[in-house]
Amino acid sequence: MPPHASDRIPAHRPDHRASLGDRLEQIIRDLDGEDLSLGSMIERIGSEGLLMLSMLLTVVFLIPVSIPGVSTVFGAALLLIGFSRLRGRPLWLPARLRERRLPAEKLRNGLTRGLSWVRRLERVSRPGRLAGLAEGRTMDIFNSLAFIFAALLLMAPFGFVPFSNTFPAVALLFYAIGMIQRDGGAILLGHLATIGTVIYFSVLIGGGGYALHALWQRMS
């Protein structure tokens, strides 16, 4: 299938001296067209690689705004990115996921608003810090598995609950920043955010179960 007209995005040579936030801002600025697809976003990022793509896909979840269809598409893409890094192979996406149309205007607004959080999180990053958590094949495997787990948490069916997407998105963003900059401190913050997400979901599930049990007792 030929690419949609809005997917034909001109090639862009990234300035690797710029901050991660500035590079993301440039990518978002160049996302044009009436609607977008995941395939067009991947084409736009090009040589920036999977981790920059991961950052772009998590930004939209850092704000308390729901954009229909984005959680499923982006969550699945992040999951496949994690498996791609784990196996050391190029990213593969099924055609339906790659060509799924997304609401461009809402998506661009969400990405732009989420950039402020990227800049805040980026300030705590220090390349080369706690290098033992960011280097070596063993740590790559462990961090990739943690990335996959955080992506699964992002896809959990709690979209109606406040911060249910935000917490795992923060973890994924820290993982991406840490892996790009070889910053073990950022990766450690990603692990802590993942643990925090598990605790938060456990409280939600436990509280919901308790409420249902209390309701059943009353009805009985």
N, C-alpha and C. Protein backbone atom coordinates (compact mmCIF):
# COMPACT_ATOMS: atom_id res chain seq x y z
N MET A 1 0.85 -1.19 0.00
CA MET A 1 0.00 0.00 0.00
C MET A 1 0.88 1.24 0.00
N PRO A 2 0.67 2.21 -0.94
CA PRO A 2 1.49 3.41 -0.95
C PRO A 2 1.22 4.25 0.26
N PRO A 3 2.22 5.00 0.72
CA PRO A 3 2.03 5.81 1.92
C PRO A 3 1.04 6.91 1.71
N HIS A 4 0.29 7.24 2.74
CA HIS A 4 -0.65 8.35 2.72
C HIS A 4 0.10 9.64 2.44
N ALA A 5 -0.58 10.60 1.81
CA ALA A 5 0.08 11.86 1.45
C ALA A 5 0.71 12.53 2.65
N SER A 6 0.02 12.45 3.80
CA SER A 6 0.54 13.11 5.00
C SER A 6 1.73 12.38 5.59
N ASP A 7 2.00 11.11 5.10
CA ASP A 7 3.13 10.35 5.61
C ASP A 7 4.43 10.70 4.89
N ARG A 8 4.33 11.41 3.78
CA ARG A 8 5.53 11.72 3.03
C ARG A 8 6.23 12.90 3.68
N ILE A 9 7.05 12.58 4.64
CA ILE A 9 7.69 13.61 5.45
C ILE A 9 9.12 13.78 4.97
N PRO A 10 9.57 14.98 4.71
CA PRO A 10 10.91 15.17 4.20
C PRO A 10 11.97 14.69 5.17
N ALA A 11 13.07 14.22 4.59
CA ALA A 11 14.17 13.74 5.43
C ALA A 11 14.73 14.87 6.26
N HIS A 12 15.15 14.51 7.45
CA HIS A 12 15.67 15.51 8.38
C HIS A 12 16.94 14.97 9.01
N ARG A 13 17.98 15.77 9.05
CA ARG A 13 19.23 15.35 9.66
C ARG A 13 19.27 15.88 11.09
N PRO A 14 19.19 15.00 12.09
CA PRO A 14 19.12 15.45 13.47
C PRO A 14 20.42 16.10 13.91
N ASP A 15 20.29 17.09 14.79
CA ASP A 15 21.44 17.74 15.40
C ASP A 15 21.69 17.06 16.74
N HIS A 16 22.68 16.17 16.78
CA HIS A 16 22.91 15.38 18.00
C HIS A 16 23.54 16.21 19.12
N ARG A 17 23.93 17.44 18.81
CA ARG A 17 24.43 18.32 19.85
C ARG A 17 23.29 18.94 20.64
N ALA A 18 22.09 18.96 20.05
CA ALA A 18 20.93 19.52 20.74
C ALA A 18 20.48 18.59 21.86
N SER A 19 19.75 19.15 22.82
CA SER A 19 19.22 18.33 23.90
C SER A 19 18.16 17.39 23.37
N LEU A 20 17.85 16.35 24.16
CA LEU A 20 16.82 15.40 23.74
C LEU A 20 15.49 16.11 23.56
N GLY A 21 15.17 17.06 24.47
CA GLY A 21 13.92 17.81 24.35
C GLY A 21 13.85 18.62 23.07
N ASP A 22 14.97 19.25 22.70
CA ASP A 22 15.00 20.05 21.47
C ASP A 22 14.83 19.17 20.24
N ARG A 23 15.45 18.01 20.28
CA ARG A 23 15.32 17.09 19.14
C ARG A 23 13.89 16.58 19.00
N LEU A 24 13.25 16.27 20.14
CA LEU A 24 11.85 15.85 20.09
C LEU A 24 10.96 16.98 19.59
N GLU A 25 11.24 18.20 20.05
CA GLU A 25 10.44 19.35 19.62
C GLU A 25 10.51 19.53 18.11
N GLN A 26 11.69 19.35 17.53
CA GLN A 26 11.85 19.47 16.09
C GLN A 26 11.06 18.39 15.36
N ILE A 27 11.10 17.17 15.89
CA ILE A 27 10.35 16.07 15.27
C ILE A 27 8.85 16.36 15.30
N ILE A 28 8.35 16.82 16.46
CA ILE A 28 6.93 17.11 16.60
C ILE A 28 6.52 18.25 15.67
N ARG A 29 7.38 19.26 15.55
CA ARG A 29 7.08 20.40 14.70
C ARG A 29 6.92 19.99 13.24
N ASP A 30 7.66 18.96 12.84
CA ASP A 30 7.64 18.53 11.44
C ASP A 30 6.56 17.49 11.14
N LEU A 31 5.80 17.08 12.15
CA LEU A 31 4.70 16.15 11.92
C LEU A 31 3.52 16.93 11.33
N ASP A 32 3.37 16.87 10.03
CA ASP A 32 2.33 17.66 9.38
C ASP A 32 1.23 16.74 8.85
N GLY A 33 0.25 17.33 8.20
CA GLY A 33 -0.85 16.55 7.65
C GLY A 33 -2.10 16.60 8.50
N GLU A 34 -3.23 16.26 7.90
CA GLU A 34 -4.50 16.29 8.61
C GLU A 34 -4.63 15.14 9.58
N ASP A 35 -4.01 14.03 9.29
CA ASP A 35 -3.98 12.91 10.24
C ASP A 35 -2.63 12.24 10.14
N LEU A 36 -2.32 11.46 11.12
CA LEU A 36 -1.00 10.85 11.22
C LEU A 36 -1.15 9.34 11.39
N SER A 37 -0.07 8.65 11.14
CA SER A 37 -0.01 7.23 11.42
C SER A 37 1.29 6.95 12.15
N LEU A 38 1.34 5.80 12.80
CA LEU A 38 2.57 5.41 13.49
C LEU A 38 3.70 5.26 12.48
N GLY A 39 3.38 4.77 11.29
CA GLY A 39 4.39 4.61 10.26
C GLY A 39 5.02 5.94 9.87
N SER A 40 4.20 7.00 9.77
CA SER A 40 4.74 8.31 9.40
C SER A 40 5.66 8.85 10.49
N MET A 41 5.32 8.58 11.76
CA MET A 41 6.16 9.04 12.85
C MET A 41 7.51 8.32 12.85
N ILE A 42 7.48 7.02 12.56
CA ILE A 42 8.73 6.26 12.49
C ILE A 42 9.59 6.78 11.35
N GLU A 43 8.97 7.03 10.20
CA GLU A 43 9.71 7.56 9.06
C GLU A 43 10.33 8.90 9.38
N ARG A 44 9.61 9.71 10.14
CA ARG A 44 10.10 11.04 10.47
C ARG A 44 11.34 10.97 11.39
N ILE A 45 11.33 10.03 12.32
CA ILE A 45 12.45 9.93 13.25
C ILE A 45 13.69 9.37 12.56
N GLY A 46 13.49 8.38 11.69
CA GLY A 46 14.59 7.86 10.90
C GLY A 46 15.77 7.41 11.74
N SER A 47 16.92 8.03 11.50
CA SER A 47 18.16 7.59 12.12
C SER A 47 18.24 7.88 13.61
N GLU A 48 17.28 8.60 14.16
CA GLU A 48 17.31 8.87 15.60
C GLU A 48 17.20 7.57 16.39
N GLY A 49 16.54 6.55 15.83
CA GLY A 49 16.53 5.25 16.46
C GLY A 49 15.33 4.99 17.34
N LEU A 50 15.29 3.75 17.85
CA LEU A 50 14.13 3.27 18.60
C LEU A 50 13.93 4.01 19.91
N LEU A 51 15.00 4.42 20.57
CA LEU A 51 14.84 5.05 21.88
C LEU A 51 14.25 6.45 21.75
N MET A 52 14.63 7.19 20.70
CA MET A 52 13.99 8.48 20.46
C MET A 52 12.52 8.27 20.12
N LEU A 53 12.23 7.22 19.36
CA LEU A 53 10.84 6.88 19.06
C LEU A 53 10.09 6.56 20.35
N SER A 54 10.73 5.84 21.27
CA SER A 54 10.11 5.51 22.55
C SER A 54 9.76 6.78 23.32
N MET A 55 10.69 7.74 23.33
CA MET A 55 10.43 9.00 24.02
C MET A 55 9.23 9.71 23.41
N LEU A 56 9.18 9.73 22.08
CA LEU A 56 8.06 10.40 21.41
C LEU A 56 6.74 9.73 21.76
N LEU A 57 6.73 8.40 21.83
CA LEU A 57 5.49 7.67 22.09
C LEU A 57 5.02 7.80 23.53
N THR A 58 5.94 8.11 24.45
CA THR A 58 5.53 8.22 25.85
C THR A 58 5.10 9.63 26.23
N VAL A 59 5.57 10.63 25.46
CA VAL A 59 5.31 12.03 25.82
C VAL A 59 3.83 12.31 25.99
N VAL A 60 3.02 11.75 25.11
CA VAL A 60 1.59 12.08 25.11
C VAL A 60 0.88 11.59 26.37
N PHE A 61 1.47 10.64 27.09
CA PHE A 61 0.84 10.11 28.30
C PHE A 61 1.23 10.89 29.56
N LEU A 62 2.06 11.90 29.41
CA LEU A 62 2.51 12.66 30.57
C LEU A 62 1.56 13.77 30.96
N ILE A 63 0.48 13.95 30.20
CA ILE A 63 -0.51 14.97 30.51
C ILE A 63 -1.85 14.29 30.73
N PRO A 64 -2.72 14.86 31.58
CA PRO A 64 -4.01 14.23 31.90
C PRO A 64 -5.06 14.46 30.83
N VAL A 65 -4.75 14.07 29.58
CA VAL A 65 -5.69 14.22 28.48
C VAL A 65 -5.77 12.89 27.76
N SER A 66 -6.98 12.41 27.53
CA SER A 66 -7.18 11.14 26.85
C SER A 66 -7.38 11.38 25.35
N ILE A 67 -6.56 10.70 24.53
CA ILE A 67 -6.70 10.79 23.08
C ILE A 67 -7.12 9.41 22.59
N PRO A 68 -8.33 9.29 22.04
CA PRO A 68 -8.86 7.97 21.66
C PRO A 68 -7.92 7.20 20.74
N GLY A 69 -7.70 5.92 21.06
CA GLY A 69 -6.93 5.03 20.21
C GLY A 69 -5.43 5.08 20.41
N VAL A 70 -4.92 6.12 21.06
CA VAL A 70 -3.47 6.29 21.16
C VAL A 70 -2.85 5.28 22.12
N SER A 71 -3.51 5.01 23.24
CA SER A 71 -2.95 4.11 24.25
C SER A 71 -2.69 2.73 23.67
N THR A 72 -3.64 2.20 22.91
CA THR A 72 -3.48 0.86 22.33
C THR A 72 -2.36 0.84 21.30
N VAL A 73 -2.37 1.81 20.38
CA VAL A 73 -1.39 1.84 19.30
C VAL A 73 0.02 2.07 19.84
N PHE A 74 0.18 3.11 20.66
CA PHE A 74 1.51 3.45 21.17
C PHE A 74 2.01 2.39 22.15
N GLY A 75 1.10 1.87 22.99
CA GLY A 75 1.50 0.83 23.93
C GLY A 75 2.01 -0.41 23.22
N ALA A 76 1.30 -0.83 22.16
CA ALA A 76 1.73 -2.00 21.40
C ALA A 76 3.08 -1.73 20.72
N ALA A 77 3.25 -0.52 20.20
CA ALA A 77 4.51 -0.17 19.55
C ALA A 77 5.67 -0.19 20.55
N LEU A 78 5.44 0.35 21.75
CA LEU A 78 6.48 0.34 22.78
C LEU A 78 6.83 -1.09 23.20
N LEU A 79 5.82 -1.94 23.26
CA LEU A 79 6.07 -3.34 23.59
C LEU A 79 6.96 -3.99 22.53
N LEU A 80 6.68 -3.73 21.26
CA LEU A 80 7.48 -4.30 20.18
C LEU A 80 8.89 -3.70 20.14
N ILE A 81 9.00 -2.43 20.51
CA ILE A 81 10.33 -1.81 20.61
C ILE A 81 11.16 -2.53 21.68
N GLY A 82 10.52 -2.83 22.81
CA GLY A 82 11.22 -3.55 23.87
C GLY A 82 11.71 -4.91 23.40
N PHE A 83 10.86 -5.66 22.70
CA PHE A 83 11.26 -6.97 22.18
C PHE A 83 12.35 -6.83 21.13
N SER A 84 12.28 -5.77 20.33
CA SER A 84 13.30 -5.53 19.31
C SER A 84 14.66 -5.30 19.95
N ARG A 85 14.69 -4.50 21.03
CA ARG A 85 15.96 -4.26 21.73
C ARG A 85 16.44 -5.53 22.42
N LEU A 86 15.53 -6.29 22.97
CA LEU A 86 15.90 -7.52 23.67
C LEU A 86 16.56 -8.52 22.71
N ARG A 87 16.02 -8.60 21.50
CA ARG A 87 16.53 -9.56 20.52
C ARG A 87 17.65 -8.98 19.66
N GLY A 88 17.85 -7.66 19.76
CA GLY A 88 18.89 -7.02 18.95
C GLY A 88 18.57 -7.03 17.47
N ARG A 89 17.29 -6.89 17.13
CA ARG A 89 16.87 -6.92 15.73
C ARG A 89 16.08 -5.66 15.38
N PRO A 90 15.97 -5.34 14.08
CA PRO A 90 15.21 -4.15 13.67
C PRO A 90 13.75 -4.25 14.11
N LEU A 91 13.14 -3.10 14.31
CA LEU A 91 11.74 -3.05 14.73
C LEU A 91 10.84 -3.56 13.62
N TRP A 92 9.93 -4.47 13.98
CA TRP A 92 8.90 -4.94 13.06
C TRP A 92 7.55 -4.56 13.62
N LEU A 93 6.71 -3.98 12.76
CA LEU A 93 5.34 -3.62 13.15
C LEU A 93 4.37 -4.21 12.13
N PRO A 94 3.27 -4.82 12.59
CA PRO A 94 2.25 -5.28 11.63
C PRO A 94 1.67 -4.10 10.87
N ALA A 95 1.24 -4.35 9.65
CA ALA A 95 0.76 -3.28 8.77
C ALA A 95 -0.41 -2.52 9.39
N ARG A 96 -1.31 -3.24 10.06
CA ARG A 96 -2.48 -2.56 10.65
C ARG A 96 -2.06 -1.57 11.72
N LEU A 97 -1.04 -1.91 12.49
CA LEU A 97 -0.56 -1.01 13.53
C LEU A 97 0.20 0.17 12.91
N ARG A 98 1.00 -0.10 11.90
CA ARG A 98 1.80 0.94 11.25
C ARG A 98 0.92 1.96 10.54
N GLU A 99 -0.20 1.50 9.96
CA GLU A 99 -1.02 2.37 9.13
C GLU A 99 -2.24 2.93 9.86
N ARG A 100 -2.40 2.60 11.12
CA ARG A 100 -3.55 3.08 11.88
C ARG A 100 -3.54 4.61 11.95
N ARG A 101 -4.65 5.22 11.51
CA ARG A 101 -4.73 6.68 11.50
C ARG A 101 -4.98 7.22 12.90
N LEU A 102 -4.32 8.30 13.24
CA LEU A 102 -4.42 8.91 14.56
C LEU A 102 -4.88 10.36 14.43
N PRO A 103 -5.61 10.88 15.42
CA PRO A 103 -6.09 12.27 15.36
C PRO A 103 -4.94 13.26 15.46
N ALA A 104 -4.54 13.83 14.32
CA ALA A 104 -3.31 14.60 14.24
C ALA A 104 -3.29 15.81 15.17
N GLU A 105 -4.35 16.62 15.14
CA GLU A 105 -4.33 17.87 15.89
C GLU A 105 -4.25 17.61 17.39
N LYS A 106 -5.08 16.68 17.88
CA LYS A 106 -5.04 16.34 19.31
C LYS A 106 -3.70 15.74 19.69
N LEU A 107 -3.16 14.92 18.80
CA LEU A 107 -1.90 14.26 19.09
C LEU A 107 -0.76 15.27 19.14
N ARG A 108 -0.72 16.18 18.19
CA ARG A 108 0.33 17.19 18.19
C ARG A 108 0.24 18.07 19.44
N ASN A 109 -0.98 18.46 19.80
CA ASN A 109 -1.15 19.27 21.01
C ASN A 109 -0.67 18.52 22.25
N GLY A 110 -1.04 17.23 22.34
CA GLY A 110 -0.62 16.43 23.49
C GLY A 110 0.89 16.26 23.54
N LEU A 111 1.51 16.02 22.40
CA LEU A 111 2.96 15.87 22.35
C LEU A 111 3.65 17.16 22.76
N THR A 112 3.15 18.28 22.27
CA THR A 112 3.77 19.57 22.59
C THR A 112 3.66 19.88 24.08
N ARG A 113 2.50 19.60 24.66
CA ARG A 113 2.32 19.87 26.09
C ARG A 113 3.17 18.93 26.94
N GLY A 114 3.33 17.70 26.47
CA GLY A 114 4.13 16.75 27.22
C GLY A 114 5.63 17.04 27.18
N LEU A 115 6.06 17.85 26.22
CA LEU A 115 7.48 18.17 26.10
C LEU A 115 8.03 18.85 27.36
N SER A 116 7.19 19.64 28.03
CA SER A 116 7.66 20.31 29.24
C SER A 116 8.12 19.30 30.29
N TRP A 117 7.44 18.15 30.34
CA TRP A 117 7.85 17.10 31.27
C TRP A 117 9.15 16.45 30.83
N VAL A 118 9.33 16.28 29.52
CA VAL A 118 10.59 15.72 29.03
C VAL A 118 11.76 16.58 29.46
N ARG A 119 11.59 17.89 29.33
CA ARG A 119 12.68 18.81 29.69
C ARG A 119 12.97 18.75 31.19
N ARG A 120 11.92 18.59 32.00
CA ARG A 120 12.15 18.48 33.45
C ARG A 120 12.90 17.18 33.79
N LEU A 121 12.45 16.08 33.19
CA LEU A 121 13.09 14.81 33.49
C LEU A 121 14.51 14.77 32.93
N GLU A 122 14.72 15.44 31.80
CA GLU A 122 16.04 15.43 31.18
C GLU A 122 17.08 16.13 32.06
N ARG A 123 16.64 17.10 32.84
CA ARG A 123 17.57 17.85 33.68
C ARG A 123 18.25 16.98 34.74
N VAL A 124 17.58 15.89 35.13
CA VAL A 124 18.18 15.03 36.16
C VAL A 124 19.13 14.00 35.56
N SER A 125 19.25 13.97 34.24
CA SER A 125 20.10 12.99 33.59
C SER A 125 21.54 13.45 33.53
N ARG A 126 22.46 12.52 33.79
CA ARG A 126 23.90 12.80 33.72
C ARG A 126 24.58 11.65 32.98
N PRO A 127 25.01 11.88 31.73
CA PRO A 127 25.66 10.80 30.97
C PRO A 127 26.82 10.16 31.73
N GLY A 128 26.84 8.84 31.74
CA GLY A 128 27.92 8.11 32.39
C GLY A 128 27.73 7.87 33.87
N ARG A 129 26.67 8.38 34.48
CA ARG A 129 26.43 8.19 35.91
C ARG A 129 25.99 6.75 36.17
N LEU A 130 26.50 6.15 37.25
CA LEU A 130 26.16 4.76 37.60
C LEU A 130 26.22 3.87 36.36
N ALA A 131 27.36 3.91 35.69
CA ALA A 131 27.50 3.24 34.39
C ALA A 131 27.21 1.75 34.46
N GLY A 132 27.41 1.14 35.62
CA GLY A 132 27.17 -0.29 35.74
C GLY A 132 25.72 -0.69 35.48
N LEU A 133 24.79 0.25 35.64
CA LEU A 133 23.38 -0.04 35.39
C LEU A 133 23.00 0.18 33.94
N ALA A 134 23.91 0.70 33.14
CA ALA A 134 23.56 1.06 31.76
C ALA A 134 24.44 0.36 30.72
N GLU A 135 25.46 -0.36 31.13
CA GLU A 135 26.40 -0.94 30.18
C GLU A 135 26.51 -2.43 30.37
N GLY A 136 26.87 -3.11 29.28
CA GLY A 136 27.04 -4.56 29.32
C GLY A 136 25.79 -5.29 28.83
N ARG A 137 26.01 -6.46 28.25
CA ARG A 137 24.90 -7.22 27.67
C ARG A 137 23.91 -7.67 28.73
N THR A 138 24.40 -8.06 29.90
CA THR A 138 23.49 -8.52 30.95
C THR A 138 22.53 -7.40 31.36
N MET A 139 23.07 -6.20 31.55
CA MET A 139 22.22 -5.08 31.94
C MET A 139 21.30 -4.68 30.79
N ASP A 140 21.78 -4.79 29.56
CA ASP A 140 20.91 -4.49 28.41
C ASP A 140 19.68 -5.41 28.41
N ILE A 141 19.92 -6.69 28.68
CA ILE A 141 18.81 -7.65 28.72
C ILE A 141 17.86 -7.31 29.86
N PHE A 142 18.42 -7.08 31.05
CA PHE A 142 17.58 -6.76 32.20
C PHE A 142 16.77 -5.49 31.97
N ASN A 143 17.42 -4.45 31.45
CA ASN A 143 16.72 -3.18 31.21
C ASN A 143 15.69 -3.31 30.11
N SER A 144 15.97 -4.12 29.10
CA SER A 144 14.98 -4.34 28.04
C SER A 144 13.76 -5.07 28.57
N LEU A 145 13.98 -6.06 29.46
CA LEU A 145 12.86 -6.75 30.08
C LEU A 145 12.04 -5.80 30.95
N ALA A 146 12.72 -4.90 31.68
CA ALA A 146 12.01 -3.91 32.49
C ALA A 146 11.22 -2.97 31.59
N PHE A 147 11.79 -2.60 30.45
CA PHE A 147 11.10 -1.74 29.49
C PHE A 147 9.82 -2.43 28.98
N ILE A 148 9.94 -3.72 28.65
CA ILE A 148 8.78 -4.49 28.18
C ILE A 148 7.71 -4.54 29.26
N PHE A 149 8.12 -4.78 30.50
CA PHE A 149 7.15 -4.84 31.60
C PHE A 149 6.44 -3.50 31.78
N ALA A 150 7.18 -2.39 31.69
CA ALA A 150 6.57 -1.07 31.81
C ALA A 150 5.58 -0.82 30.66
N ALA A 151 5.92 -1.31 29.46
CA ALA A 151 5.01 -1.16 28.33
C ALA A 151 3.71 -1.94 28.57
N LEU A 152 3.83 -3.13 29.17
CA LEU A 152 2.63 -3.91 29.51
C LEU A 152 1.78 -3.17 30.54
N LEU A 153 2.44 -2.53 31.52
CA LEU A 153 1.70 -1.75 32.51
C LEU A 153 0.97 -0.58 31.84
N LEU A 154 1.62 0.02 30.84
CA LEU A 154 0.99 1.13 30.12
C LEU A 154 -0.28 0.67 29.41
N MET A 155 -0.28 -0.58 28.94
CA MET A 155 -1.43 -1.12 28.21
C MET A 155 -2.50 -1.69 29.12
N ALA A 156 -2.26 -1.72 30.43
CA ALA A 156 -3.25 -2.27 31.35
C ALA A 156 -4.56 -1.51 31.24
N PRO A 157 -5.70 -2.22 31.37
CA PRO A 157 -7.01 -1.59 31.14
C PRO A 157 -7.47 -0.72 32.30
N PHE A 158 -6.65 0.29 32.65
CA PHE A 158 -7.02 1.22 33.72
C PHE A 158 -7.05 2.65 33.21
N GLY A 159 -7.30 2.82 31.89
CA GLY A 159 -7.24 4.14 31.30
C GLY A 159 -8.17 5.16 31.94
N PHE A 160 -9.25 4.68 32.57
CA PHE A 160 -10.21 5.58 33.21
C PHE A 160 -9.73 6.06 34.58
N VAL A 161 -8.65 5.46 35.10
CA VAL A 161 -8.13 5.81 36.42
C VAL A 161 -7.05 6.88 36.27
N PRO A 162 -7.09 7.95 37.06
CA PRO A 162 -6.07 9.00 36.96
C PRO A 162 -4.66 8.45 37.16
N PHE A 163 -3.74 8.90 36.32
CA PHE A 163 -2.31 8.58 36.38
C PHE A 163 -1.99 7.13 36.03
N SER A 164 -2.96 6.34 35.60
CA SER A 164 -2.68 4.94 35.28
C SER A 164 -1.78 4.82 34.05
N ASN A 165 -1.84 5.78 33.14
CA ASN A 165 -0.92 5.80 32.00
C ASN A 165 0.33 6.63 32.31
N THR A 166 0.18 7.63 33.16
CA THR A 166 1.29 8.54 33.42
C THR A 166 2.46 7.85 34.11
N PHE A 167 2.19 7.05 35.15
CA PHE A 167 3.27 6.42 35.91
C PHE A 167 4.13 5.50 35.04
N PRO A 168 3.54 4.56 34.29
CA PRO A 168 4.40 3.72 33.43
C PRO A 168 5.06 4.51 32.31
N ALA A 169 4.41 5.59 31.84
CA ALA A 169 5.02 6.43 30.80
C ALA A 169 6.28 7.11 31.33
N VAL A 170 6.23 7.57 32.58
CA VAL A 170 7.42 8.18 33.20
C VAL A 170 8.55 7.15 33.29
N ALA A 171 8.21 5.92 33.67
CA ALA A 171 9.22 4.86 33.74
C ALA A 171 9.85 4.62 32.37
N LEU A 172 9.02 4.52 31.34
CA LEU A 172 9.52 4.29 29.99
C LEU A 172 10.39 5.44 29.51
N LEU A 173 10.00 6.66 29.86
CA LEU A 173 10.77 7.83 29.46
C LEU A 173 12.14 7.83 30.14
N PHE A 174 12.18 7.50 31.43
CA PHE A 174 13.46 7.41 32.13
C PHE A 174 14.34 6.31 31.53
N TYR A 175 13.73 5.16 31.20
CA TYR A 175 14.51 4.09 30.56
C TYR A 175 15.12 4.58 29.25
N ALA A 176 14.31 5.25 28.42
CA ALA A 176 14.80 5.71 27.12
C ALA A 176 15.92 6.73 27.29
N ILE A 177 15.72 7.70 28.18
CA ILE A 177 16.75 8.71 28.43
C ILE A 177 18.03 8.05 28.93
N GLY A 178 17.87 7.13 29.89
CA GLY A 178 19.04 6.45 30.45
C GLY A 178 19.80 5.63 29.43
N MET A 179 19.08 4.93 28.55
CA MET A 179 19.73 4.11 27.54
C MET A 179 20.41 4.96 26.48
N ILE A 180 19.78 6.07 26.10
CA ILE A 180 20.39 6.95 25.10
C ILE A 180 21.67 7.58 25.64
N GLN A 181 21.62 8.05 26.89
CA GLN A 181 22.75 8.78 27.46
C GLN A 181 23.67 7.90 28.31
N ARG A 182 23.37 6.59 28.34
CA ARG A 182 24.15 5.66 29.16
C ARG A 182 24.20 6.14 30.60
N ASP A 183 23.04 6.55 31.09
CA ASP A 183 22.91 7.11 32.44
C ASP A 183 22.20 6.09 33.32
N GLY A 184 22.99 5.40 34.15
CA GLY A 184 22.39 4.41 35.04
C GLY A 184 21.48 5.03 36.07
N GLY A 185 21.72 6.30 36.43
CA GLY A 185 20.83 6.97 37.38
C GLY A 185 19.43 7.13 36.84
N ALA A 186 19.31 7.51 35.56
CA ALA A 186 17.99 7.64 34.95
C ALA A 186 17.32 6.27 34.85
N ILE A 187 18.10 5.25 34.52
CA ILE A 187 17.54 3.90 34.45
C ILE A 187 17.04 3.45 35.82
N LEU A 188 17.80 3.78 36.86
CA LEU A 188 17.36 3.45 38.23
C LEU A 188 16.04 4.15 38.55
N LEU A 189 15.91 5.41 38.15
CA LEU A 189 14.64 6.11 38.37
C LEU A 189 13.52 5.44 37.59
N GLY A 190 13.84 4.89 36.41
CA GLY A 190 12.84 4.14 35.66
C GLY A 190 12.37 2.91 36.41
N HIS A 191 13.33 2.19 37.03
CA HIS A 191 12.96 1.01 37.82
C HIS A 191 12.07 1.42 39.01
N LEU A 192 12.42 2.51 39.67
CA LEU A 192 11.62 2.98 40.81
C LEU A 192 10.21 3.38 40.36
N ALA A 193 10.11 4.02 39.19
CA ALA A 193 8.79 4.40 38.67
C ALA A 193 7.97 3.16 38.34
N THR A 194 8.63 2.12 37.82
CA THR A 194 7.93 0.87 37.52
C THR A 194 7.41 0.22 38.80
N ILE A 195 8.26 0.18 39.84
CA ILE A 195 7.83 -0.37 41.13
C ILE A 195 6.66 0.44 41.69
N GLY A 196 6.76 1.77 41.58
CA GLY A 196 5.66 2.62 42.04
C GLY A 196 4.37 2.34 41.29
N THR A 197 4.48 2.07 39.98
CA THR A 197 3.29 1.75 39.19
C THR A 197 2.66 0.45 39.65
N VAL A 198 3.49 -0.56 39.92
CA VAL A 198 2.98 -1.85 40.40
C VAL A 198 2.25 -1.66 41.73
N ILE A 199 2.84 -0.87 42.63
CA ILE A 199 2.19 -0.62 43.93
C ILE A 199 0.86 0.09 43.72
N TYR A 200 0.86 1.09 42.84
CA TYR A 200 -0.37 1.85 42.57
C TYR A 200 -1.46 0.95 42.02
N PHE A 201 -1.12 0.11 41.04
CA PHE A 201 -2.10 -0.80 40.46
C PHE A 201 -2.57 -1.83 41.50
N SER A 202 -1.66 -2.28 42.35
CA SER A 202 -2.03 -3.26 43.38
C SER A 202 -3.05 -2.66 44.35
N VAL A 203 -2.83 -1.39 44.70
CA VAL A 203 -3.79 -0.70 45.58
C VAL A 203 -5.14 -0.57 44.89
N LEU A 204 -5.11 -0.23 43.59
CA LEU A 204 -6.37 -0.10 42.84
C LEU A 204 -7.12 -1.42 42.80
N ILE A 205 -6.40 -2.49 42.48
CA ILE A 205 -7.04 -3.80 42.36
C ILE A 205 -7.52 -4.27 43.73
N GLY A 206 -6.65 -4.11 44.77
CA GLY A 206 -7.05 -4.52 46.11
C GLY A 206 -8.23 -3.73 46.63
N GLY A 207 -8.20 -2.41 46.42
CA GLY A 207 -9.31 -1.57 46.87
C GLY A 207 -10.59 -1.90 46.14
N GLY A 208 -10.47 -2.16 44.81
CA GLY A 208 -11.67 -2.53 44.05
C GLY A 208 -12.24 -3.85 44.50
N GLY A 209 -11.36 -4.82 44.79
CA GLY A 209 -11.82 -6.12 45.27
C GLY A 209 -12.50 -6.00 46.62
N TYR A 210 -11.93 -5.18 47.50
CA TYR A 210 -12.53 -4.98 48.82
C TYR A 210 -13.91 -4.33 48.70
N ALA A 211 -14.02 -3.32 47.80
CA ALA A 211 -15.31 -2.64 47.61
C ALA A 211 -16.36 -3.60 47.07
N LEU A 212 -15.96 -4.45 46.12
CA LEU A 212 -16.91 -5.42 45.57
C LEU A 212 -17.33 -6.43 46.63
N HIS A 213 -16.37 -6.87 47.44
CA HIS A 213 -16.70 -7.82 48.51
C HIS A 213 -17.66 -7.19 49.51
N ALA A 214 -17.42 -5.92 49.89
CA ALA A 214 -18.30 -5.23 50.84
C ALA A 214 -19.70 -5.07 50.25
N LEU A 215 -19.77 -4.75 48.95
CA LEU A 215 -21.06 -4.61 48.29
C LEU A 215 -21.82 -5.92 48.25
N TRP A 216 -21.09 -7.01 47.97
CA TRP A 216 -21.71 -8.34 47.94
C TRP A 216 -22.23 -8.73 49.32
N GLN A 217 -21.51 -8.40 50.36
CA GLN A 217 -21.92 -8.70 51.72
C GLN A 217 -23.20 -7.95 52.07
N ARG A 218 -23.29 -6.69 51.65
CA ARG A 218 -24.49 -5.91 51.92
C ARG A 218 -25.70 -6.48 51.18
N MET A 219 -25.48 -6.86 49.92
CA MET A 219 -26.58 -7.38 49.11
C MET A 219 -27.03 -8.75 49.62
N SER A 220 -26.12 -9.45 50.27
CA SER A 220 -26.48 -10.77 50.80
C SER A 220 -27.21 -10.64 52.12
